C-alpha atoms as a PDB file:
ATOM      1  CA  UNK A   1       4.045   4.923 -18.731  1.00  0.00           C
ATOM      2  CA  UNK A   2       3.185   3.141 -15.473  1.00  0.00           C
ATOM      3  CA  UNK A   3       6.365   1.074 -15.872  1.00  0.00           C
ATOM      4  CA  UNK A   4       8.333   4.035 -14.574  1.00  0.00           C
ATOM      5  CA  UNK A   5       6.593   3.741 -11.158  1.00  0.00           C
ATOM      6  CA  UNK A   6       7.342   0.111 -10.611  1.00  0.00           C
ATOM      7  CA  UNK A   7      10.665   0.744  -8.753  1.00  0.00           C
ATOM      8  CA  UNK A   8       8.872   3.228  -6.496  1.00  0.00           C
ATOM      9  CA  UNK A   9       6.166   0.702  -5.768  1.00  0.00           C
ATOM     10  CA  UNK A  10       8.751  -1.997  -5.039  1.00  0.00           C
ATOM     11  CA  UNK A  11      10.610   0.283  -2.603  1.00  0.00           C
ATOM     12  CA  UNK A  12       7.343   1.286  -0.883  1.00  0.00           C
ATOM     13  CA  UNK A  13       6.401  -2.398  -0.446  1.00  0.00           C
ATOM     14  CA  UNK A  14       9.885  -3.226   0.823  1.00  0.00           C
ATOM     15  CA  UNK A  15       9.802  -0.326   3.323  1.00  0.00           C
ATOM     16  CA  UNK A  16       6.365  -1.277   4.664  1.00  0.00           C
ATOM     17  CA  UNK A  17       7.352  -4.984   4.767  1.00  0.00           C
ATOM     18  CA  UNK A  18      10.512  -4.171   6.690  1.00  0.00           C
ATOM     19  CA  UNK A  19       8.641  -2.031   9.249  1.00  0.00           C
ATOM     20  CA  UNK A  20       5.852  -4.592   9.771  1.00  0.00           C
ATOM     21  CA  UNK A  21       8.297  -7.506  10.043  1.00  0.00           C
ATOM     22  CA  UNK A  22      10.407  -5.620  12.645  1.00  0.00           C
ATOM     23  CA  UNK A  23       7.351  -4.976  14.830  1.00  0.00           C
ATOM     24  CA  UNK A  24       6.102  -8.547  14.487  1.00  0.00           C
ATOM     25  CA  UNK A  25       9.501 -10.133  15.179  1.00  0.00           C
ATOM     26  CA  UNK A  26      10.242  -8.028  18.251  1.00  0.00           C
ATOM     27  CA  UNK A  27       6.905  -8.952  19.711  1.00  0.00           C
ATOM     28  CA  UNK A  28       7.445 -12.658  18.986  1.00  0.00           C
ATOM     29  CA  UNK A  29      11.067 -13.163  19.968  1.00  0.00           C
ATOM     30  CA  UNK A  30      11.724 -10.195  22.251  1.00  0.00           C
ATOM     31  CA  UNK A  31      12.110 -10.573  26.009  1.00  0.00           C
ATOM     32  CA  UNK A  32       8.935 -10.394  27.962  1.00  0.00           C
ATOM     33  CA  UNK A  33      10.110  -9.946  31.580  1.00  0.00           C
ATOM     34  CA  UNK A  34       8.218  -7.249  33.416  1.00  0.00           C
ATOM     35  CA  UNK A  35       9.334  -5.834  36.714  1.00  0.00           C
ATOM     36  CA  UNK A  36       8.792  -2.619  38.645  1.00  0.00           C
ATOM     37  CA  UNK A  37      12.048  -0.864  37.668  1.00  0.00           C
ATOM     38  CA  UNK A  38      11.442  -1.622  33.982  1.00  0.00           C
ATOM     39  CA  UNK A  39       7.876  -0.283  34.039  1.00  0.00           C
ATOM     40  CA  UNK A  40       8.904   3.013  35.689  1.00  0.00           C
ATOM     41  CA  UNK A  41       9.215   6.119  33.460  1.00  0.00           C
ATOM     42  CA  UNK A  42      12.837   6.720  32.534  1.00  0.00           C
ATOM     43  CA  UNK A  43      14.170  10.152  33.485  1.00  0.00           C
ATOM     44  CA  UNK A  44      17.913  10.318  32.659  1.00  0.00           C
ATOM     45  CA  UNK A  45      18.810   7.306  34.784  1.00  0.00           C
ATOM     46  CA  UNK A  46      17.445   8.862  37.979  1.00  0.00           C
ATOM     47  CA  UNK A  47      14.413   7.611  39.809  1.00  0.00           C
ATOM     48  CA  UNK A  48      11.471   9.996  39.233  1.00  0.00           C
ATOM     49  CA  UNK A  49      11.062  12.566  41.976  1.00  0.00           C
ATOM     50  CA  UNK A  50       7.549  13.739  41.227  1.00  0.00           C
ATOM     51  CA  UNK A  51       4.486  12.307  39.611  1.00  0.00           C
ATOM     52  CA  UNK A  52       4.703  12.850  35.837  1.00  0.00           C
ATOM     53  CA  UNK A  53       0.966  13.522  35.703  1.00  0.00           C
ATOM     54  CA  UNK A  54       1.148  16.475  38.061  1.00  0.00           C
ATOM     55  CA  UNK A  55      -0.399  19.768  36.964  1.00  0.00           C
ATOM     56  CA  UNK A  56       1.571  22.777  35.929  1.00  0.00           C
ATOM     57  CA  UNK A  57       0.860  26.300  37.068  1.00  0.00           C
ATOM     58  CA  UNK A  58      -1.149  28.452  34.643  1.00  0.00           C
ATOM     59  CA  UNK A  59       1.819  30.884  34.709  1.00  0.00           C
ATOM     60  CA  UNK A  60       3.922  28.230  32.940  1.00  0.00           C
ATOM     61  CA  UNK A  61       1.509  28.195  30.019  1.00  0.00           C
ATOM     62  CA  UNK A  62       1.205  31.982  29.879  1.00  0.00           C
ATOM     63  CA  UNK A  63       4.944  32.417  29.760  1.00  0.00           C
ATOM     64  CA  UNK A  64       5.184  29.652  27.152  1.00  0.00           C
ATOM     65  CA  UNK A  65       2.606  31.348  24.943  1.00  0.00           C
ATOM     66  CA  UNK A  66       4.302  34.702  25.343  1.00  0.00           C
ATOM     67  CA  UNK A  67       7.622  33.166  24.415  1.00  0.00           C
ATOM     68  CA  UNK A  68       6.103  31.689  21.247  1.00  0.00           C
ATOM     69  CA  UNK A  69       4.454  35.012  20.284  1.00  0.00           C
ATOM     70  CA  UNK A  70       7.644  37.020  20.697  1.00  0.00           C
ATOM     71  CA  UNK A  71       9.784  34.324  19.136  1.00  0.00           C
ATOM     72  CA  UNK A  72       7.639  34.151  16.024  1.00  0.00           C
ATOM     73  CA  UNK A  73       7.519  37.953  15.796  1.00  0.00           C
ATOM     74  CA  UNK A  74      11.294  38.063  16.035  1.00  0.00           C
ATOM     75  CA  UNK A  75      11.557  35.692  13.074  1.00  0.00           C
ATOM     76  CA  UNK A  76       9.954  38.392  10.919  1.00  0.00           C
ATOM     77  CA  UNK A  77      13.064  40.562  11.499  1.00  0.00           C
ATOM     78  CA  UNK A  78      15.316  38.220   9.456  1.00  0.00           C
ATOM     79  CA  UNK A  79      13.623  38.493   6.063  1.00  0.00           C
ATOM     80  CA  UNK A  80      13.361  42.239   6.570  1.00  0.00           C
ATOM     81  CA  UNK A  81      17.101  42.480   7.258  1.00  0.00           C
ATOM     82  CA  UNK A  82      17.848  40.525   4.030  1.00  0.00           C
ATOM     83  CA  UNK A  83      15.847  42.907   1.825  1.00  0.00           C
ATOM     84  CA  UNK A  84      16.449  46.036   3.849  1.00  0.00           C
ATOM     85  CA  UNK A  85      18.127  48.012   1.053  1.00  0.00           C
ATOM     86  CA  UNK A  86      15.451  47.154  -1.516  1.00  0.00           C
ATOM     87  CA  UNK A  87      12.618  48.298   0.780  1.00  0.00           C
ATOM     88  CA  UNK A  88      14.161  51.700   1.376  1.00  0.00           C
ATOM     89  CA  UNK A  89      12.683  54.153   3.887  1.00  0.00           C
ATOM     90  CA  UNK A  90       9.163  52.692   3.602  1.00  0.00           C
ATOM     91  CA  UNK A  91      10.397  49.322   4.780  1.00  0.00           C
ATOM     92  CA  UNK A  92      12.359  50.933   7.602  1.00  0.00           C
ATOM     93  CA  UNK A  93       9.389  52.913   8.894  1.00  0.00           C
ATOM     94  CA  UNK A  94       7.084  49.850   8.668  1.00  0.00           C
ATOM     95  CA  UNK A  95       9.516  47.688  10.661  1.00  0.00           C
ATOM     96  CA  UNK A  96       9.935  50.423  13.269  1.00  0.00           C
ATOM     97  CA  UNK A  97       6.138  50.501  13.664  1.00  0.00           C
ATOM     98  CA  UNK A  98       6.168  46.722  13.989  1.00  0.00           C
ATOM     99  CA  UNK A  99       8.896  46.838  16.646  1.00  0.00           C
ATOM    100  CA  UNK A 100       7.028  49.627  18.468  1.00  0.00           C
ATOM    101  CA  UNK A 101       3.901  47.510  18.617  1.00  0.00           C
ATOM    102  CA  UNK A 102       5.966  44.614  19.995  1.00  0.00           C
ATOM    103  CA  UNK A 103       7.551  46.978  22.528  1.00  0.00           C
ATOM    104  CA  UNK A 104       4.153  48.219  23.659  1.00  0.00           C
ATOM    105  CA  UNK A 105       2.984  44.650  24.035  1.00  0.00           C
ATOM    106  CA  UNK A 106       6.074  43.701  26.076  1.00  0.00           C
ATOM    107  CA  UNK A 107       5.653  46.778  28.277  1.00  0.00           C
ATOM    108  CA  UNK A 108       1.988  45.881  28.868  1.00  0.00           C
ATOM    109  CA  UNK A 109       2.628  42.224  29.873  1.00  0.00           C
ATOM    110  CA  UNK A 110       5.544  43.362  31.993  1.00  0.00           C
ATOM    111  CA  UNK A 111       3.370  45.909  33.838  1.00  0.00           C
ATOM    112  CA  UNK A 112       0.605  43.347  34.286  1.00  0.00           C
ATOM    113  CA  UNK A 113       3.156  41.008  35.936  1.00  0.00           C
ATOM    114  CA  UNK A 114       2.736  38.212  33.429  1.00  0.00           C
ATOM    115  CA  UNK A 115       6.486  37.596  33.413  1.00  0.00           C
ATOM    116  CA  UNK A 116       6.737  37.176  37.203  1.00  0.00           C
ATOM    117  CA  UNK A 117       7.389  33.576  38.169  1.00  0.00           C
ATOM    118  CA  UNK A 118       5.997  33.349  41.726  1.00  0.00           C
END
C-alpha cells in the first residue's frame, strides 16, 4: 500500500533538492559586487525620496481598519443576494437590519471625524 506514495515522495525530494541546489549555486557562483546603488531599496527605478522606516500617522491605521471592517461587511451582501429568493421576507428584513447597523456605524465614524485626512 505504501508503494502508491513512492512517486509523491520522489517528487517531494526532487522539489526540495531543486530549491536547495538553486540557493546554494547562486550563493557560490553568483556575482558578489556590492556598491551603494545596489544596496539601496528599489522603488520603481526612482531614488527613494523618504526614509522607508518613517512612521505613519495613526489616522492611516484607523482608516485602514475601517476600510477592512466595511469591506468585510460588504462581502456578506453577496451570499445574501445569491439566496435572496429562498430566504424570503425574513432574509430581507435581517439584511436591512444588518445594513442599518452598518449605516449607523458609518454615520458615527463620519461624525467623529475618523474619515478626515488632515
